[in-house]
Protein backbone atom coordinates (compact mmCIF):
# COMPACT_ATOMS: atom_id res chain seq x y z
CA UNK A 1 0.00 0.00 0.00
CA UNK A 2 1.63 3.24 -1.17
CA UNK A 3 -0.99 5.79 -0.07
CA UNK A 4 -4.46 5.78 1.54
CA UNK A 5 -6.45 8.55 -0.15
CA UNK A 6 -10.04 7.23 -0.28
CA UNK A 7 -12.20 4.17 0.30
CA UNK A 8 -14.01 4.40 -3.04
CA UNK A 9 -11.15 2.64 -4.83
CA UNK A 10 -10.11 0.36 -1.95
CA UNK A 11 -10.52 -3.30 -2.86
CA UNK A 12 -12.34 -5.76 -0.61
CA UNK A 13 -9.16 -7.76 0.00
CA UNK A 14 -7.15 -4.65 0.93
CA UNK A 15 -9.92 -3.41 3.23
CA UNK A 16 -10.12 -6.75 5.03
CA UNK A 17 -6.33 -6.88 5.33
CA UNK A 18 -6.32 -3.47 7.03
CA UNK A 19 -9.07 -4.61 9.42
CA UNK A 20 -7.23 -7.87 10.16
CA UNK A 21 -3.94 -6.08 10.87
CA UNK A 22 -5.92 -3.68 13.10
CA UNK A 23 -7.08 -6.75 15.07
CA UNK A 24 -3.43 -7.65 15.63
CA UNK A 25 -2.69 -4.08 16.71
CA UNK A 26 -5.67 -4.07 19.08
CA UNK A 27 -4.31 -7.23 20.71
CA UNK A 28 -1.05 -5.45 21.48
CA UNK A 29 -2.92 -2.55 23.07
CA UNK A 30 -4.28 -4.80 25.83
CA UNK A 31 -0.74 -5.54 27.03
CA UNK A 32 0.98 -3.73 29.88
CA UNK A 33 3.58 -2.37 27.45
CA UNK A 34 1.72 -1.10 24.39
CA UNK A 35 4.67 0.14 22.36
CA UNK A 36 6.07 -1.82 19.40
CA UNK A 37 9.46 -1.23 17.72
CA UNK A 38 8.01 -1.67 14.22
CA UNK A 39 8.52 1.88 12.86
CA UNK A 40 11.62 2.85 14.83
CA UNK A 41 13.64 5.34 12.78
CA UNK A 42 10.66 6.37 10.63
CA UNK A 43 9.20 9.88 10.69
CA UNK A 44 5.46 10.56 10.49
CA UNK A 45 4.27 14.14 9.93
CA UNK A 46 0.75 15.19 10.91
CA UNK A 47 0.05 18.01 8.46
CA UNK A 48 -3.22 19.61 9.52
CA UNK A 49 -4.59 22.58 7.60
CA UNK A 50 -7.91 22.25 9.49
CA UNK A 51 -8.44 22.14 13.22
CA UNK A 52 -8.69 18.67 14.68
CA UNK A 53 -8.23 17.15 18.09
CA UNK A 54 -9.58 13.62 17.89
CA UNK A 55 -8.06 12.58 14.55
CA UNK A 56 -4.68 14.23 15.11
CA UNK A 57 -4.25 12.75 18.59
CA UNK A 58 -5.33 9.33 17.32
CA UNK A 59 -2.73 9.38 14.52
CA UNK A 60 -0.09 10.69 16.92
CA UNK A 61 -0.82 7.90 19.43
CA UNK A 62 -0.78 5.31 16.63
CA UNK A 63 2.59 6.45 15.30
CA UNK A 64 4.19 6.69 18.74
CA UNK A 65 2.96 3.23 19.74
CA UNK A 66 4.79 1.93 16.65
CA UNK A 67 7.91 3.84 17.83
CA UNK A 68 7.91 6.32 14.95
CA UNK A 69 9.13 9.89 15.39
CA UNK A 70 6.18 12.29 15.09
CA UNK A 71 6.14 15.89 13.89
CA UNK A 72 2.89 17.82 14.33
CA UNK A 73 2.50 20.62 11.79
CA UNK A 74 -0.48 22.94 12.22
CA UNK A 75 -1.18 25.47 9.47
CA UNK A 76 -2.23 28.17 11.91
CA UNK A 77 0.82 30.06 13.09
CA UNK A 78 3.03 28.42 10.44
CA UNK A 79 4.38 29.67 7.13
CA UNK A 80 1.13 28.48 5.54
CA UNK A 81 -0.71 31.30 7.27
CA UNK A 82 1.81 33.63 5.65
CA UNK A 83 0.93 32.37 2.18
CA UNK A 84 3.27 29.39 1.70
CA UNK A 85 1.94 26.98 -0.94
CA UNK A 86 1.26 23.28 -0.48
CA UNK A 87 4.18 22.60 -2.82
CA UNK A 88 6.62 24.58 -0.69
CA UNK A 89 5.34 22.94 2.50
CA UNK A 90 5.68 19.48 0.91
CA UNK A 91 9.22 20.16 -0.24
CA UNK A 92 10.12 21.33 3.26
CA UNK A 93 8.81 18.04 4.67
CA UNK A 94 10.75 16.13 2.01
CA UNK A 95 13.93 17.89 3.09
CA UNK A 96 13.19 16.89 6.69
CA UNK A 97 13.03 13.24 5.67
CA UNK A 98 9.33 12.55 6.25
CA UNK A 99 8.41 8.91 5.56
CA UNK A 100 4.63 9.38 5.88
CA UNK A 101 2.44 12.48 5.80
CA UNK A 102 -1.01 12.45 7.40
CA UNK A 103 -2.85 15.38 5.84
CA UNK A 104 -6.14 17.06 6.72
CA UNK A 105 -7.11 19.85 4.35
CA UNK A 106 -10.16 21.97 3.64
CA UNK A 107 -9.87 21.46 -0.12
CA UNK A 108 -11.22 18.23 -1.60
CA UNK A 109 -8.43 16.48 -3.49
CA UNK A 110 -5.50 18.05 -1.63
CA UNK A 111 -4.12 14.67 -0.41
CA UNK A 112 -4.26 13.26 -3.96
CA UNK A 113 -2.43 16.34 -5.26
CA UNK A 114 0.26 15.83 -2.63
CA UNK A 115 0.55 12.10 -3.40
CA UNK A 116 0.75 12.49 -7.19
CA UNK A 117 2.70 15.72 -7.48
CA UNK A 118 6.23 14.36 -7.18
CA UNK A 119 6.96 17.01 -4.54
CA UNK A 120 7.42 14.37 -1.86
CA UNK A 121 8.35 10.68 -1.77
CA UNK A 122 6.54 9.97 1.49
CA UNK A 123 3.39 7.90 1.73
CA UNK A 124 0.28 10.04 2.07
CA UNK A 125 -2.71 9.30 4.31
CA UNK A 126 -5.89 11.33 3.89
CA UNK A 127 -7.15 12.43 7.32
CA UNK A 128 -10.09 14.31 5.80
CA UNK A 129 -10.21 16.53 2.71
CA UNK A 130 -13.02 19.04 2.27
CA UNK A 131 -16.30 17.20 1.78
CA UNK A 132 -14.61 14.39 -0.15
CA UNK A 133 -13.47 11.53 2.11
CA UNK A 134 -12.10 10.49 5.51
CA UNK A 135 -10.96 6.90 4.89
CA UNK A 136 -9.53 5.98 8.29
CA UNK A 137 -12.77 7.06 10.00
CA UNK A 138 -14.72 4.69 7.74
CA UNK A 139 -12.22 1.91 8.43
CA UNK A 140 -12.51 2.33 12.18
CA UNK A 141 -16.31 2.39 11.88
CA UNK A 142 -16.24 -0.84 9.86
CA UNK A 143 -13.78 -2.35 12.35
CA UNK A 144 -16.17 -1.48 15.20
CA UNK A 145 -19.17 -2.98 13.38
CA UNK A 146 -17.26 -6.13 12.52
CA UNK A 147 -16.13 -6.64 16.13
CA UNK A 148 -19.65 -6.13 17.46
CA UNK A 149 -21.01 -8.56 14.88
CA UNK A 150 -18.36 -11.30 14.91
CA UNK A 151 -16.56 -10.80 18.23
CA UNK A 152 -13.34 -12.79 18.59
CA UNK A 153 -13.94 -14.48 15.23
CA UNK A 154 -13.66 -11.22 13.26
CA UNK A 155 -10.48 -11.91 11.31
CA UNK A 156 -11.09 -12.46 7.62
CA UNK A 157 -14.77 -11.50 7.88
CA UNK A 158 -16.66 -8.87 5.91
CA UNK A 159 -19.97 -7.12 6.70
CA UNK A 160 -22.12 -9.04 4.22
CA UNK A 161 -25.82 -8.37 4.78
CA UNK A 162 -25.31 -5.87 7.62
CA UNK A 163 -27.97 -3.14 7.46
CA UNK A 164 -26.44 0.26 8.18
CA UNK A 165 -28.42 3.49 8.32
CA UNK A 166 -26.50 6.79 8.20
CA UNK A 167 -28.47 9.80 9.43
CA UNK A 168 -27.99 13.54 9.19
CA UNK A 169 -25.77 16.02 7.40
CA UNK A 170 -24.73 13.80 4.49
CA UNK A 171 -24.19 16.84 2.24
CA UNK A 172 -21.17 18.10 4.17
CA UNK A 173 -19.97 14.74 5.53
CA UNK A 174 -16.78 13.18 4.23
CA UNK A 175 -17.35 10.48 6.86
CA UNK A 176 -20.63 9.50 5.19
CA UNK A 177 -19.01 9.33 1.75
CA UNK A 178 -16.14 7.15 2.93
CA UNK A 179 -18.52 4.88 4.83
CA UNK A 180 -20.88 4.47 1.87
CA UNK A 181 -18.13 3.18 -0.41
CA UNK A 182 -16.33 1.03 2.17
CA UNK A 183 -19.49 -0.53 3.60
CA UNK A 184 -20.70 -1.36 0.10
CA UNK A 185 -17.34 -2.98 -0.70
CA UNK A 186 -17.63 -5.07 2.47
CA UNK A 187 -21.15 -6.22 1.55
CA UNK A 188 -23.29 -4.06 3.83
CA UNK A 189 -26.67 -2.60 2.83
CA UNK A 190 -26.58 1.19 3.34
CA UNK A 191 -29.49 3.59 3.80
CA UNK A 192 -29.11 7.37 4.03
CA UNK A 193 -31.62 9.43 6.04
CA UNK A 194 -31.58 13.23 5.95
CA UNK A 195 -33.63 16.32 5.24
CA UNK A 196 -33.85 16.77 1.43
CA UNK A 197 -31.64 19.86 1.72
CA UNK A 198 -28.82 17.79 3.30
CA UNK A 199 -28.73 15.05 0.65
CA UNK A 200 -26.09 15.60 -2.07
CA UNK A 201 -27.44 16.07 -5.59
CA UNK A 202 -25.26 13.32 -7.06
CA UNK A 203 -26.32 10.34 -4.90
CA UNK A 204 -27.98 8.60 -7.85
CA UNK A 205 -24.62 6.93 -8.48
CA UNK A 206 -24.15 5.86 -4.87
CA UNK A 207 -24.91 2.27 -3.80
CA UNK A 208 -27.50 3.43 -1.24
CA UNK A 209 -31.21 3.83 -0.56
CA UNK A 210 -32.30 7.35 0.44
CA UNK A 211 -35.07 8.07 2.95
CA UNK A 212 -36.21 11.33 4.48
CA UNK A 213 -38.06 9.91 7.51
CA UNK A 214 -35.99 8.62 10.44
CA UNK A 215 -38.97 6.81 11.98
CA UNK A 216 -39.43 4.84 8.76
CA UNK A 217 -35.76 3.89 8.81
CA UNK A 218 -35.94 2.76 12.44
CA UNK A 219 -39.02 0.64 11.66
CA UNK A 220 -36.89 -1.23 9.11
CA UNK A 221 -34.75 -2.49 12.05
CA UNK A 222 -31.19 -1.51 11.10
CA UNK A 223 -28.20 -3.35 12.58
CA UNK A 224 -26.30 -0.07 12.96
CA UNK A 225 -27.54 3.50 13.18
CA UNK A 226 -24.83 6.09 12.54
CA UNK A 227 -25.73 9.64 13.56
CA UNK A 228 -23.69 12.30 11.76
CA UNK A 229 -22.65 15.59 13.31
CA UNK A 230 -24.54 18.63 12.02
CA UNK A 231 -21.68 20.70 10.62
CA UNK A 232 -22.97 24.15 11.41
CA UNK A 233 -19.54 25.66 10.61
CA UNK A 234 -19.90 24.57 6.95
CA UNK A 235 -23.43 25.89 6.57
CA UNK A 236 -23.66 29.33 5.07
CA UNK A 237 -27.43 29.02 4.62
CA UNK A 238 -30.40 27.60 6.50
CA UNK A 239 -30.70 23.91 5.61
CA UNK A 240 -33.49 23.29 8.12
CA UNK A 241 -35.93 25.56 9.99
CA UNK A 242 -34.23 25.39 13.40
CA UNK A 243 -32.04 23.17 15.53
CA UNK A 244 -35.09 22.29 17.61
CA UNK A 245 -37.00 21.20 14.50
CA UNK A 246 -34.03 19.14 13.29
CA UNK A 247 -33.76 17.36 16.66
CA UNK A 248 -37.48 16.64 16.61
CA UNK A 249 -37.51 15.10 13.12
CA UNK A 250 -34.05 13.62 12.63
CA UNK A 251 -32.47 13.39 16.07
CA UNK A 252 -32.01 10.13 17.99
CA UNK A 253 -34.02 11.05 21.07
CA UNK A 254 -34.85 8.73 24.01
CA UNK A 255 -38.17 7.67 22.48
CA UNK A 256 -36.58 6.60 19.18
CA UNK A 257 -33.78 4.88 21.12
CA UNK A 258 -36.36 2.72 22.89
CA UNK A 259 -37.77 1.60 19.51
CA UNK A 260 -34.41 0.23 18.35
CA UNK A 261 -33.67 -3.46 18.70
CA UNK A 262 -31.58 -4.34 21.74
CA UNK A 263 -28.59 -5.26 19.57
CA UNK A 264 -28.71 -2.25 17.20
CA UNK A 265 -25.42 -0.36 17.30
CA UNK A 266 -25.65 3.39 17.88
CA UNK A 267 -22.66 5.09 16.27
CA UNK A 268 -21.30 8.62 15.96
CA UNK A 269 -17.98 9.75 14.44
CA UNK A 270 -17.69 12.63 16.93
CA UNK A 271 -17.57 15.23 18.15
CA UNK A 272 -21.23 15.01 19.15
CA UNK A 273 -23.80 17.77 19.37
CA UNK A 274 -25.72 16.31 22.28
CA UNK A 275 -29.37 17.22 22.16
CA UNK A 276 -29.23 17.95 18.42
CA UNK A 277 -28.48 14.85 16.36
CA UNK A 278 -28.18 12.53 19.36
CA UNK A 279 -29.48 12.59 22.93
CA UNK A 280 -27.23 11.92 25.92
CA UNK A 281 -29.31 8.85 26.71
CA UNK A 282 -28.51 7.40 23.27
CA UNK A 283 -24.85 8.44 23.33
CA UNK A 284 -24.27 6.87 26.75
CA UNK A 285 -26.42 3.75 26.28
CA UNK A 286 -25.18 0.15 26.12
CA UNK A 287 -25.93 0.21 22.39
CA UNK A 288 -23.51 3.10 21.86
CA UNK A 289 -20.15 2.34 20.22
CA UNK A 290 -18.84 5.92 20.51
CA UNK A 291 -15.98 5.16 22.92
CA UNK A 292 -15.18 1.91 21.13
CA UNK A 293 -14.81 3.89 17.91
CA UNK A 294 -12.27 6.20 19.58
CA UNK A 295 -10.23 3.28 20.94
CA UNK A 296 -10.47 1.34 17.69
CA UNK A 297 -9.29 4.40 15.77
CA UNK A 298 -5.81 4.03 17.25
CA UNK A 299 -5.59 0.34 16.26
CA UNK A 300 -6.83 1.02 12.72
CA UNK A 301 -4.40 3.91 12.22
CA UNK A 302 -1.57 1.77 13.57
CA UNK A 303 -2.51 -0.81 10.93
CA UNK A 304 -2.54 1.78 8.13
CA UNK A 305 0.84 3.21 9.15
CA UNK A 306 2.29 -0.30 9.46
CA UNK A 307 1.08 -1.34 5.99
CA UNK A 308 2.24 1.96 4.51
CA UNK A 309 5.72 1.89 6.03
CA UNK A 310 6.77 -1.45 7.51
CA UNK A 311 4.81 -3.38 4.88
CA UNK A 312 6.42 -1.39 2.09
CA UNK A 313 9.85 -1.84 3.67
CA UNK A 314 9.51 -5.62 3.92
CA UNK A 315 8.26 -5.83 0.32
CA UNK A 316 11.25 -3.84 -0.91
CA UNK A 317 13.58 -6.12 1.04
CA UNK A 318 12.16 -9.24 -0.61
CA UNK A 319 11.57 -7.91 -4.14
CA UNK A 320 14.13 -5.15 -4.52
CA UNK A 321 11.33 -2.92 -5.83
CA UNK A 322 10.94 0.73 -4.88
CA UNK A 323 7.18 0.60 -5.53
CA UNK A 324 4.95 0.03 -2.50
CA UNK A 325 2.17 -2.03 -4.05
CA UNK A 326 -1.10 -2.94 -2.35
CA UNK A 327 -0.64 -5.74 0.14
């Protein structure tokens, strides 16, 4: 695996390999000493042009637990805020000897530009680009679903037949896009639920069913219900009458929670707007996977970094090739 830019083009075998390696990484995280020497001597740069706490810390923890050196680069207060281009920033990182760059950027396609530009030889991991994709979030969501479904027998398994309903601000959600493509690849049946104004215009080509009524979706008895954050910071116009009206029609309130099957997973990529898209009762219930998703995020990102760096290194050692092919 040379880069991880999106889930749309990720094959089923590659996706399952990442999830299986994440299982191995999760096993190591239950030990007293969690650190592995796997990426000793490698340098991972977290290049964040957008604010992030959860994703950046998760990648930092993942890299450090693999013994990599980590450089955190925030655009605010850096040369970027003075007008430095992505090319100049990339060439600076190249000169520093970066082996992997984890990039979050407000422009859709920025990670692909970085990966294909020739400005840098490092592997590139997309940590969220505009409203395009957020592949490691989708992978950790799939990892969480697979563990809940298959338990200790998860290795090698897909999500065939799993009914997943994704609810909320699909229009602005790169998490939703990455999940749609990955879940479809793994065999899940995906339904989107949102106000008409928060459904993208181009979903006719997506492998999904679209509903506008959350109660109808709950009546269909989904195996997993993923509530998306309402991204008020990306909304320059009124997409629904009021936050109160949104919560009433599309929020997972206590009454809707009670109508879910006992084994339905309640998911949220975080951070949560409690009382808007999800109630505290739902977020803190036994059905909730929210904290599992956070913990699993470290294991999945460890797996991605391992396959990007240690996997590539071992392949070069055995083949003499300088191309990091998909493993």
